[in-house]
N, C-alpha and C. Protein backbone atom coordinates (compact mmCIF):
# COMPACT_ATOMS: atom_id res chain seq x y z
N MET A 1 -59.00 33.35 38.80
CA MET A 1 -60.42 32.70 39.12
C MET A 1 -60.88 31.89 37.18
N ALA A 2 -60.65 30.24 37.45
CA ALA A 2 -61.38 29.81 36.45
C ALA A 2 -63.29 30.22 36.69
N THR A 3 -63.81 29.99 35.32
CA THR A 3 -65.12 29.41 35.70
C THR A 3 -65.33 28.49 34.78
N ASP A 4 -66.71 27.77 35.39
CA ASP A 4 -67.50 26.69 35.67
C ASP A 4 -67.97 26.46 33.97
N PRO A 5 -66.96 24.93 33.66
CA PRO A 5 -67.67 25.42 31.92
C PRO A 5 -68.81 24.36 31.98
N PHE A 6 -69.85 24.68 33.15
CA PHE A 6 -71.13 23.93 32.65
C PHE A 6 -71.98 24.86 33.38
N ILE A 7 -71.97 26.30 33.25
CA ILE A 7 -72.51 27.71 33.51
C ILE A 7 -72.57 28.34 32.31
N VAL A 8 -74.04 28.17 31.81
CA VAL A 8 -74.99 28.76 30.87
C VAL A 8 -75.64 29.59 30.67
N HIS A 9 -75.43 30.80 30.22
CA HIS A 9 -75.68 32.26 29.96
C HIS A 9 -77.60 31.81 29.07
N VAL A 10 -78.44 32.09 30.20
CA VAL A 10 -79.62 31.63 28.85
C VAL A 10 -80.61 33.00 28.99
N ALA A 11 -80.03 34.47 29.70
CA ALA A 11 -81.06 35.25 29.33
C ALA A 11 -82.05 35.78 27.83
N GLY A 12 -80.78 35.62 26.85
CA GLY A 12 -81.49 35.89 25.74
C GLY A 12 -82.17 34.72 25.03
N LEU A 13 -81.79 33.54 25.42
CA LEU A 13 -82.48 32.24 25.24
C LEU A 13 -84.06 32.21 25.73
N ARG A 14 -84.19 32.87 26.70
CA ARG A 14 -85.67 32.99 27.06
C ARG A 14 -86.04 34.37 27.12
N ARG A 15 -85.43 35.39 26.84
CA ARG A 15 -86.32 36.83 25.83
C ARG A 15 -87.11 36.40 24.70
N ASN A 16 -86.01 35.64 23.78
CA ASN A 16 -86.71 35.30 22.57
C ASN A 16 -87.60 34.50 22.48
N ARG A 17 -87.78 32.90 23.57
CA ARG A 17 -89.08 32.59 23.35
C ARG A 17 -88.87 31.59 22.02
N GLY A 18 -88.39 31.52 21.19
CA GLY A 18 -88.69 30.67 19.91
C GLY A 18 -87.74 29.77 19.48
N PRO A 19 -86.30 30.45 19.63
CA PRO A 19 -84.93 29.42 19.22
C PRO A 19 -84.46 28.28 19.56
N THR A 20 -83.99 27.84 19.71
CA THR A 20 -83.25 27.00 20.10
C THR A 20 -81.84 27.40 20.52
N ALA A 21 -81.05 26.52 21.60
CA ALA A 21 -79.84 26.68 21.43
C ALA A 21 -78.64 25.22 21.90
N HIS A 22 -77.89 25.32 21.11
CA HIS A 22 -76.94 23.60 21.10
C HIS A 22 -75.91 24.34 21.92
N VAL A 23 -75.36 22.87 23.27
CA VAL A 23 -74.56 23.83 24.12
C VAL A 23 -73.67 22.84 24.33
N VAL A 24 -72.43 22.37 24.17
CA VAL A 24 -71.13 21.53 24.07
C VAL A 24 -70.62 21.86 25.06
N ARG A 25 -70.52 21.33 26.20
CA ARG A 25 -69.43 21.78 27.51
C ARG A 25 -69.15 20.40 27.87
N ARG A 26 -67.68 20.56 28.63
CA ARG A 26 -67.07 20.03 28.59
C ARG A 26 -66.05 20.19 29.73
N GLY A 27 -65.91 19.59 30.99
CA GLY A 27 -65.38 19.43 32.37
C GLY A 27 -65.24 18.51 33.43
N PRO A 28 -64.23 18.69 34.81
CA PRO A 28 -64.40 17.78 36.00
C PRO A 28 -66.18 17.80 36.12
N VAL A 29 -66.49 16.66 36.65
CA VAL A 29 -67.33 16.59 37.66
C VAL A 29 -67.23 16.55 39.08
N GLU A 30 -68.08 18.20 39.78
CA GLU A 30 -68.24 17.56 41.26
C GLU A 30 -67.93 16.95 41.92
N LEU A 31 -67.29 16.35 42.83
CA LEU A 31 -66.71 15.92 43.35
C LEU A 31 -67.69 14.96 44.28
N ALA A 32 -68.58 13.79 44.51
CA ALA A 32 -69.58 13.98 45.30
C ALA A 32 -70.35 12.18 44.88
N GLY A 33 -70.36 11.88 46.36
CA GLY A 33 -70.89 10.42 46.04
C GLY A 33 -70.24 9.35 45.82
N PRO A 34 -70.67 8.66 44.49
CA PRO A 34 -69.50 7.54 44.45
C PRO A 34 -68.44 7.94 43.02
N LEU A 35 -68.37 9.71 43.09
CA LEU A 35 -67.77 9.95 42.23
C LEU A 35 -66.20 10.52 42.85
N ASP A 36 -66.11 10.03 44.15
CA ASP A 36 -64.67 10.96 45.19
C ASP A 36 -64.23 9.98 45.47
N GLU A 37 -64.48 8.48 45.06
CA GLU A 37 -63.48 7.14 45.90
C GLU A 37 -62.22 7.68 45.45
N LEU A 38 -61.52 7.00 46.34
CA LEU A 38 -59.52 7.25 45.59
C LEU A 38 -59.15 5.69 44.57
N GLY A 39 -59.52 4.94 45.85
CA GLY A 39 -59.96 3.45 45.52
C GLY A 39 -61.11 2.93 44.90
N VAL A 40 -60.92 1.21 44.50
CA VAL A 40 -62.08 0.95 43.51
C VAL A 40 -62.63 0.05 44.34
N ASP A 41 -63.60 -0.52 44.72
CA ASP A 41 -63.37 -1.44 45.62
C ASP A 41 -64.29 -2.86 44.51
N PRO A 42 -63.93 -4.08 45.09
CA PRO A 42 -64.18 -4.88 43.69
C PRO A 42 -65.94 -5.29 43.49
N GLY A 43 -66.64 -4.80 42.46
CA GLY A 43 -68.56 -4.50 42.90
C GLY A 43 -68.25 -3.29 42.39
N ARG A 44 -67.40 -2.54 42.57
CA ARG A 44 -68.18 -0.55 42.12
C ARG A 44 -67.68 -0.53 41.14
N SER A 45 -67.76 0.90 40.48
CA SER A 45 -67.16 1.51 39.49
C SER A 45 -66.81 3.06 40.25
N VAL A 46 -66.17 3.83 39.54
CA VAL A 46 -66.69 5.54 39.86
C VAL A 46 -65.81 5.89 38.23
N VAL A 47 -65.83 7.24 38.42
CA VAL A 47 -65.59 8.23 37.23
C VAL A 47 -63.88 8.33 37.46
N PRO A 48 -63.37 8.52 36.99
CA PRO A 48 -62.01 8.66 37.34
C PRO A 48 -61.76 10.15 37.91
N LEU A 49 -61.38 10.24 38.79
CA LEU A 49 -60.42 11.72 39.51
C LEU A 49 -60.03 13.03 38.43
N ASP A 50 -59.38 12.23 37.75
CA ASP A 50 -58.84 13.31 36.23
C ASP A 50 -59.96 13.01 34.99
N ALA A 51 -60.92 12.76 35.39
CA ALA A 51 -61.27 12.60 33.53
C ALA A 51 -62.78 13.85 33.91
N GLU A 52 -62.87 13.91 32.86
CA GLU A 52 -64.08 14.93 32.22
C GLU A 52 -64.86 14.57 31.35
N ALA A 53 -66.38 14.85 31.78
CA ALA A 53 -67.38 15.17 31.62
C ALA A 53 -67.87 15.82 30.39
N GLU A 54 -69.03 15.38 29.42
CA GLU A 54 -69.05 15.89 28.15
C GLU A 54 -70.44 15.50 28.72
N CYS A 55 -71.12 17.45 28.26
CA CYS A 55 -72.78 17.24 28.27
C CYS A 55 -72.58 18.07 26.79
N ASP A 56 -74.43 17.58 25.52
CA ASP A 56 -74.26 17.93 24.30
C ASP A 56 -75.80 18.07 24.42
N LEU A 57 -75.98 19.13 24.72
CA LEU A 57 -77.81 19.40 25.33
C LEU A 57 -77.95 20.86 23.85
N THR A 58 -79.43 20.46 23.66
CA THR A 58 -80.21 21.33 23.37
C THR A 58 -81.17 21.66 24.33
N LEU A 59 -80.93 23.30 24.50
CA LEU A 59 -81.57 23.92 25.19
C LEU A 59 -82.97 24.56 24.18
N ARG A 60 -84.17 24.57 24.49
CA ARG A 60 -85.26 24.75 24.31
C ARG A 60 -86.50 26.15 25.61
N PRO A 61 -86.76 27.00 25.45
CA PRO A 61 -87.65 27.66 26.40
C PRO A 61 -87.97 27.42 26.30
N PHE A 62 -89.18 27.47 27.21
CA PHE A 62 -90.93 27.14 27.95
C PHE A 62 -91.15 28.40 28.58
N SER A 63 -92.59 28.42 29.04
CA SER A 63 -92.91 28.91 29.85
C SER A 63 -92.87 28.97 31.13
N GLY A 64 -91.40 29.89 31.75
CA GLY A 64 -90.88 29.51 33.26
C GLY A 64 -89.88 28.83 33.38
N GLY A 65 -89.08 28.94 31.79
CA GLY A 65 -87.86 27.62 32.18
C GLY A 65 -87.31 27.35 31.01
N ILE A 66 -86.30 26.36 31.06
CA ILE A 66 -85.19 25.63 30.02
C ILE A 66 -85.68 24.25 29.62
N ASP A 67 -85.94 23.63 28.95
CA ASP A 67 -85.98 22.54 28.88
C ASP A 67 -84.62 22.15 28.05
N ALA A 68 -83.85 21.25 28.81
CA ALA A 68 -82.14 20.28 28.06
C ALA A 68 -82.67 18.97 27.84
N VAL A 69 -82.29 18.54 26.32
CA VAL A 69 -82.41 17.17 25.74
C VAL A 69 -81.32 16.87 25.60
N GLY A 70 -80.86 16.02 26.19
CA GLY A 70 -78.96 15.59 24.69
C GLY A 70 -78.82 14.21 25.57
N THR A 71 -77.38 14.12 25.77
CA THR A 71 -76.47 13.52 26.25
C THR A 71 -75.76 13.79 26.75
N VAL A 72 -74.91 12.86 28.25
CA VAL A 72 -73.57 13.47 28.81
C VAL A 72 -73.26 11.87 28.76
N ARG A 73 -71.70 11.93 28.46
CA ARG A 73 -70.60 10.79 28.19
C ARG A 73 -69.89 10.99 29.52
N ALA A 74 -69.35 10.25 30.05
CA ALA A 74 -68.35 9.79 30.65
C ALA A 74 -67.52 8.69 31.16
N PRO A 75 -66.07 8.93 31.35
CA PRO A 75 -65.63 7.29 31.83
C PRO A 75 -65.89 7.09 33.10
N TRP A 76 -65.78 5.54 32.63
CA TRP A 76 -65.50 4.68 34.02
C TRP A 76 -64.64 3.79 34.09
N VAL A 77 -63.95 3.70 35.86
CA VAL A 77 -63.43 2.25 36.15
C VAL A 77 -64.08 1.94 37.16
N GLY A 78 -63.57 0.50 37.29
CA GLY A 78 -64.53 -0.23 38.30
C GLY A 78 -63.24 -1.64 38.53
N MET A 79 -63.73 -2.46 38.68
CA MET A 79 -62.71 -3.80 38.79
C MET A 79 -64.28 -5.75 38.70
N CYS A 80 -64.37 -5.92 38.16
CA CYS A 80 -65.18 -7.00 38.11
C CYS A 80 -65.77 -7.25 39.68
N ARG A 81 -66.52 -7.84 39.63
CA ARG A 81 -67.12 -8.22 40.41
C ARG A 81 -66.94 -9.67 40.81
N ARG A 82 -66.60 -10.62 40.02
CA ARG A 82 -65.98 -12.20 40.26
C ARG A 82 -64.41 -12.11 40.52
N CYS A 83 -64.00 -11.48 38.97
CA CYS A 83 -62.23 -12.00 39.28
C CYS A 83 -61.42 -10.83 39.30
N THR A 84 -62.20 -9.83 39.88
CA THR A 84 -61.33 -8.35 40.14
C THR A 84 -60.36 -7.80 39.42
N VAL A 85 -61.08 -8.03 37.95
CA VAL A 85 -59.60 -8.10 37.12
C VAL A 85 -59.84 -6.05 36.84
N PRO A 86 -59.23 -5.63 36.31
CA PRO A 86 -60.06 -4.09 36.30
C PRO A 86 -60.24 -3.57 35.45
N VAL A 87 -61.78 -3.27 35.17
CA VAL A 87 -62.57 -3.17 33.73
C VAL A 87 -62.75 -1.48 33.58
N SER A 88 -62.98 -0.77 32.24
CA SER A 88 -63.41 0.32 32.24
C SER A 88 -64.61 0.76 30.68
N GLY A 89 -64.59 1.56 31.29
CA GLY A 89 -66.11 2.19 29.87
C GLY A 89 -66.30 3.52 29.32
N GLU A 90 -67.07 3.73 29.22
CA GLU A 90 -67.72 5.14 28.43
C GLU A 90 -69.25 5.33 28.52
N LEU A 91 -69.98 6.02 30.05
CA LEU A 91 -71.17 5.64 29.69
C LEU A 91 -71.60 7.38 28.89
N ARG A 92 -73.01 6.77 27.92
CA ARG A 92 -73.87 7.46 27.18
C ARG A 92 -74.93 7.34 27.77
N ILE A 93 -75.22 8.99 28.05
CA ILE A 93 -76.38 8.93 28.85
C ILE A 93 -77.52 9.74 28.08
N ALA A 94 -78.55 9.84 27.82
CA ALA A 94 -79.64 10.41 27.10
C ALA A 94 -80.38 10.53 28.28
N VAL A 95 -80.51 12.37 28.30
CA VAL A 95 -81.21 13.09 29.34
C VAL A 95 -82.33 14.24 28.62
N SER A 96 -82.71 14.37 29.58
CA SER A 96 -84.01 15.26 28.97
C SER A 96 -84.41 15.60 30.39
N GLU A 97 -84.25 16.84 31.07
CA GLU A 97 -84.46 17.73 32.61
C GLU A 97 -85.10 18.98 31.79
N ARG A 98 -85.21 19.51 33.51
CA ARG A 98 -85.98 21.15 32.64
C ARG A 98 -85.36 22.15 34.19
N PHE A 99 -85.11 22.89 33.57
CA PHE A 99 -84.27 24.33 34.75
C PHE A 99 -85.91 25.07 34.78
N GLY A 100 -85.81 25.37 35.81
CA GLY A 100 -87.17 26.62 36.34
C GLY A 100 -86.58 27.59 37.14
N ASP A 101 -86.97 28.69 37.12
CA ASP A 101 -86.83 30.07 38.26
C ASP A 101 -86.58 29.65 39.44
N ALA A 102 -85.76 29.74 40.44
CA ALA A 102 -85.12 29.86 41.42
C ALA A 102 -86.69 29.90 42.26
N PRO A 103 -87.11 30.99 42.08
CA PRO A 103 -88.45 31.15 43.72
C PRO A 103 -89.21 30.31 43.81
N ILE A 104 -89.69 30.04 42.18
CA ILE A 104 -90.72 28.88 41.91
C ILE A 104 -90.10 27.51 41.65
N ALA A 105 -88.99 26.76 41.90
CA ALA A 105 -88.72 26.09 41.26
C ALA A 105 -89.88 24.69 41.53
N GLU A 106 -90.05 23.77 41.67
CA GLU A 106 -90.09 23.08 42.04
C GLU A 106 -88.89 21.78 41.47
N ASP A 107 -88.79 20.14 43.09
CA ASP A 107 -88.41 19.55 43.44
C ASP A 107 -87.88 18.81 42.25
N ASP A 108 -88.66 18.68 40.82
CA ASP A 108 -88.68 18.44 39.44
C ASP A 108 -87.62 19.20 38.88
N LEU A 109 -87.46 20.01 39.16
CA LEU A 109 -86.54 21.19 37.64
C LEU A 109 -85.53 21.76 39.13
N TYR A 110 -84.23 21.98 37.73
CA TYR A 110 -82.94 22.21 38.49
C TYR A 110 -83.14 23.93 38.19
N PRO A 111 -82.47 25.02 38.92
CA PRO A 111 -82.96 26.00 39.78
C PRO A 111 -82.16 27.05 38.53
N ILE A 112 -82.45 28.16 37.63
CA ILE A 112 -82.38 29.23 37.18
C ILE A 112 -82.12 30.27 37.69
N VAL A 113 -80.69 30.79 37.92
CA VAL A 113 -80.81 31.59 38.84
C VAL A 113 -78.89 32.62 38.12
N ASP A 114 -80.33 34.20 37.99
CA ASP A 114 -79.52 34.97 37.69
C ASP A 114 -79.40 34.90 35.85
N ASP A 115 -80.16 34.21 35.31
CA ASP A 115 -80.30 34.49 34.18
C ASP A 115 -79.41 32.82 33.57
N THR A 116 -79.09 32.34 34.27
CA THR A 116 -77.88 30.93 34.04
C THR A 116 -78.28 29.79 34.41
N VAL A 117 -78.04 28.89 33.82
CA VAL A 117 -78.42 27.31 34.55
C VAL A 117 -76.84 26.74 34.86
N ASP A 118 -76.69 25.92 35.63
CA ASP A 118 -75.92 25.04 35.72
C ASP A 118 -75.78 23.76 35.56
N LEU A 119 -75.41 23.60 34.33
CA LEU A 119 -75.70 21.56 34.11
C LEU A 119 -74.98 20.82 34.76
N GLY A 120 -73.64 21.57 35.55
CA GLY A 120 -72.74 20.63 36.52
C GLY A 120 -74.23 19.51 37.12
N PRO A 121 -74.79 20.55 37.94
CA PRO A 121 -75.16 18.97 39.18
C PRO A 121 -76.47 18.33 37.40
N LEU A 122 -76.50 18.41 36.74
CA LEU A 122 -77.50 17.70 35.81
C LEU A 122 -76.30 16.61 35.19
N VAL A 123 -75.42 16.34 35.39
CA VAL A 123 -74.28 15.83 34.19
C VAL A 123 -73.90 14.94 35.72
N ARG A 124 -73.59 14.98 36.87
CA ARG A 124 -73.31 14.40 38.60
C ARG A 124 -74.53 13.74 38.42
N ASP A 125 -75.51 13.77 38.59
CA ASP A 125 -77.20 13.33 38.48
C ASP A 125 -76.71 11.66 37.38
N ALA A 126 -76.92 12.42 36.24
CA ALA A 126 -77.23 11.46 35.30
C ALA A 126 -75.91 10.58 35.31
N ILE A 127 -74.44 11.18 36.06
CA ILE A 127 -73.57 9.68 36.05
C ILE A 127 -73.74 9.38 37.13
N VAL A 128 -73.92 9.76 38.32
CA VAL A 128 -74.36 8.39 39.65
C VAL A 128 -75.18 7.46 39.18
N LEU A 129 -76.15 8.37 38.38
CA LEU A 129 -77.42 7.10 38.92
C LEU A 129 -76.98 6.27 37.38
N GLU A 130 -76.17 6.04 36.26
CA GLU A 130 -75.94 5.02 35.49
C GLU A 130 -74.52 4.58 35.60
N LEU A 131 -74.53 4.66 36.99
CA LEU A 131 -72.80 3.92 36.82
C LEU A 131 -72.92 2.82 37.17
N PRO A 132 -72.04 1.69 36.29
CA PRO A 132 -72.83 0.47 37.24
C PRO A 132 -72.15 -0.30 38.09
N MET A 133 -73.60 -0.75 38.89
CA MET A 133 -73.53 -1.08 39.98
C MET A 133 -72.90 -2.12 40.13
N ALA A 134 -72.04 -3.29 39.37
CA ALA A 134 -71.40 -4.81 39.81
C ALA A 134 -70.87 -5.01 38.33
N PRO A 135 -70.00 -4.16 38.09
CA PRO A 135 -69.17 -4.42 36.98
C PRO A 135 -69.30 -5.89 36.52
N MET A 136 -68.02 -5.98 35.04
CA MET A 136 -68.16 -7.94 34.66
C MET A 136 -67.39 -7.61 33.51
N CYS A 137 -66.02 -7.79 34.10
CA CYS A 137 -65.39 -8.13 32.64
C CYS A 137 -65.82 -8.87 31.22
N ARG A 138 -66.84 -9.27 31.62
CA ARG A 138 -67.14 -9.76 30.45
C ARG A 138 -68.28 -10.63 31.17
N ASP A 139 -69.43 -11.16 30.35
CA ASP A 139 -70.93 -11.86 30.72
C ASP A 139 -70.35 -12.93 31.03
N ASP A 140 -69.29 -13.92 30.16
CA ASP A 140 -69.63 -15.78 30.70
C ASP A 140 -68.14 -15.40 31.87
N CYS A 141 -68.23 -14.80 32.40
CA CYS A 141 -67.01 -14.45 33.58
C CYS A 141 -66.77 -15.57 34.78
N ARG A 142 -65.77 -16.15 34.84
CA ARG A 142 -65.99 -17.92 35.94
C ARG A 142 -65.67 -17.40 37.10
N GLY A 143 -65.58 -16.09 37.10
CA GLY A 143 -64.85 -15.55 38.54
C GLY A 143 -63.56 -16.24 39.42
N LEU A 144 -63.42 -15.62 40.57
CA LEU A 144 -62.34 -16.81 41.40
C LEU A 144 -63.12 -17.93 42.40
N CYS A 145 -61.78 -19.21 42.18
CA CYS A 145 -62.54 -20.45 43.04
C CYS A 145 -61.97 -19.77 44.46
N PRO A 146 -63.29 -20.67 45.21
CA PRO A 146 -63.34 -19.42 46.52
C PRO A 146 -62.91 -20.38 47.81
N ARG A 147 -61.74 -21.71 46.98
CA ARG A 147 -61.14 -22.26 48.00
C ARG A 147 -60.11 -22.33 47.99
N CYS A 148 -59.16 -21.79 47.06
CA CYS A 148 -57.73 -22.01 45.98
C CYS A 148 -57.67 -20.10 45.94
N GLY A 149 -58.45 -19.29 45.04
CA GLY A 149 -58.33 -17.95 45.12
C GLY A 149 -58.00 -17.29 42.66
N ALA A 150 -57.73 -19.30 42.01
CA ALA A 150 -57.49 -19.42 41.13
C ALA A 150 -57.94 -18.04 39.67
N ASP A 151 -58.23 -17.90 39.50
CA ASP A 151 -58.84 -17.04 38.10
C ASP A 151 -59.20 -18.01 37.47
N ARG A 152 -60.74 -18.79 37.18
CA ARG A 152 -61.17 -19.96 36.92
C ARG A 152 -61.28 -19.24 35.31
N ASN A 153 -61.00 -18.32 34.96
CA ASN A 153 -61.23 -17.93 33.30
C ASN A 153 -59.61 -17.79 32.68
N GLU A 154 -58.82 -18.19 33.48
CA GLU A 154 -57.24 -18.72 32.73
C GLU A 154 -57.69 -19.97 32.39
N SER A 155 -57.85 -21.19 33.79
CA SER A 155 -57.87 -22.09 33.56
C SER A 155 -58.17 -22.73 34.84
N ASP A 156 -58.82 -24.54 35.18
CA ASP A 156 -59.49 -24.80 35.53
C ASP A 156 -58.64 -24.76 37.24
N CYS A 157 -58.93 -24.97 38.06
CA CYS A 157 -57.62 -25.21 39.09
C CYS A 157 -58.21 -27.04 39.51
N GLY A 158 -59.36 -26.88 38.96
CA GLY A 158 -59.06 -28.41 39.94
C GLY A 158 -59.69 -29.08 41.13
N CYS A 159 -60.07 -27.53 41.56
CA CYS A 159 -60.45 -27.56 42.80
C CYS A 159 -61.53 -28.39 43.24
N VAL A 160 -62.14 -29.24 44.22
CA VAL A 160 -63.93 -29.85 44.14
C VAL A 160 -64.46 -29.30 45.13
N VAL A 161 -65.71 -29.00 44.80
CA VAL A 161 -66.59 -27.79 46.03
C VAL A 161 -66.71 -29.47 46.77
N PRO A 162 -66.81 -29.11 48.53
CA PRO A 162 -66.98 -29.99 49.47
C PRO A 162 -68.64 -29.76 49.11
N VAL A 163 -68.71 -31.53 49.78
CA VAL A 163 -70.77 -31.59 49.23
C VAL A 163 -70.93 -31.64 50.54
N ASP A 164 -72.07 -30.76 50.65
CA ASP A 164 -72.53 -30.14 52.04
C ASP A 164 -74.23 -31.71 52.30
N PRO A 165 -73.59 -31.95 53.75
CA PRO A 165 -74.40 -33.48 53.96
C PRO A 165 -75.81 -33.12 53.84
N ARG A 166 -76.07 -31.49 54.15
CA ARG A 166 -77.74 -30.89 54.21
C ARG A 166 -78.03 -31.16 53.00
N TRP A 167 -77.69 -31.11 51.77
CA TRP A 167 -78.25 -31.90 50.97
C TRP A 167 -77.69 -32.70 50.01
N ALA A 168 -76.97 -33.45 50.87
CA ALA A 168 -76.45 -35.07 50.06
C ALA A 168 -77.67 -35.70 49.59
N ASN A 169 -78.91 -35.39 49.69
CA ASN A 169 -80.07 -36.36 49.18
C ASN A 169 -80.83 -35.65 47.86
N LEU A 170 -80.39 -34.28 48.27
CA LEU A 170 -81.01 -34.23 46.71
C LEU A 170 -79.75 -34.40 45.34
N ASP A 171 -78.42 -34.67 45.39
CA ASP A 171 -77.59 -35.03 44.17
C ASP A 171 -77.80 -36.26 43.83
N VAL A 172 -78.83 -37.18 44.50
CA VAL A 172 -79.34 -38.61 43.55
C VAL A 172 -80.41 -38.03 42.32
N LEU A 173 -80.83 -36.30 42.24
CA LEU A 173 -81.81 -36.69 41.37
C LEU A 173 -81.30 -35.46 39.79
N ARG A 174 -79.16 -35.67 40.45
CA ARG A 174 -79.21 -35.26 39.02
C ARG A 174 -78.29 -36.55 38.27
């Protein structure tokens, strides 16, 4: 049985209350939400199914729990929302979260169960919140022509946008 790479034992850290612990963990992200998409729709981004996320955190004890401060990194892929070419990148997310004892854990605390913290939900939440909602291949992407479908980044197709007669009177202002 494989062990979860995001489980960290914190009994010694909580007992001593003074030192900090530096942890770097790498592993697959729990599949849920936008992470479990098999295909990528235009204008969406996902973490690839075979990708691994990495968290680099400093754990500090406080009365009743553990502070986790550091960064989460993960690759993402998607399609440009304007021209539908594949795009990719890497998320680098600064995180600062708290873990608390399970019986008294509040809504804004991740639970500590049996003197262990599971960094997996923290990593997943950080990634889901930072995935680009509408990725673009570049800032000046001109997209596809709505008439013929040509990629206007490669060449101008020469299509003329039809004039809407309802707005024709405003053309004199140009």
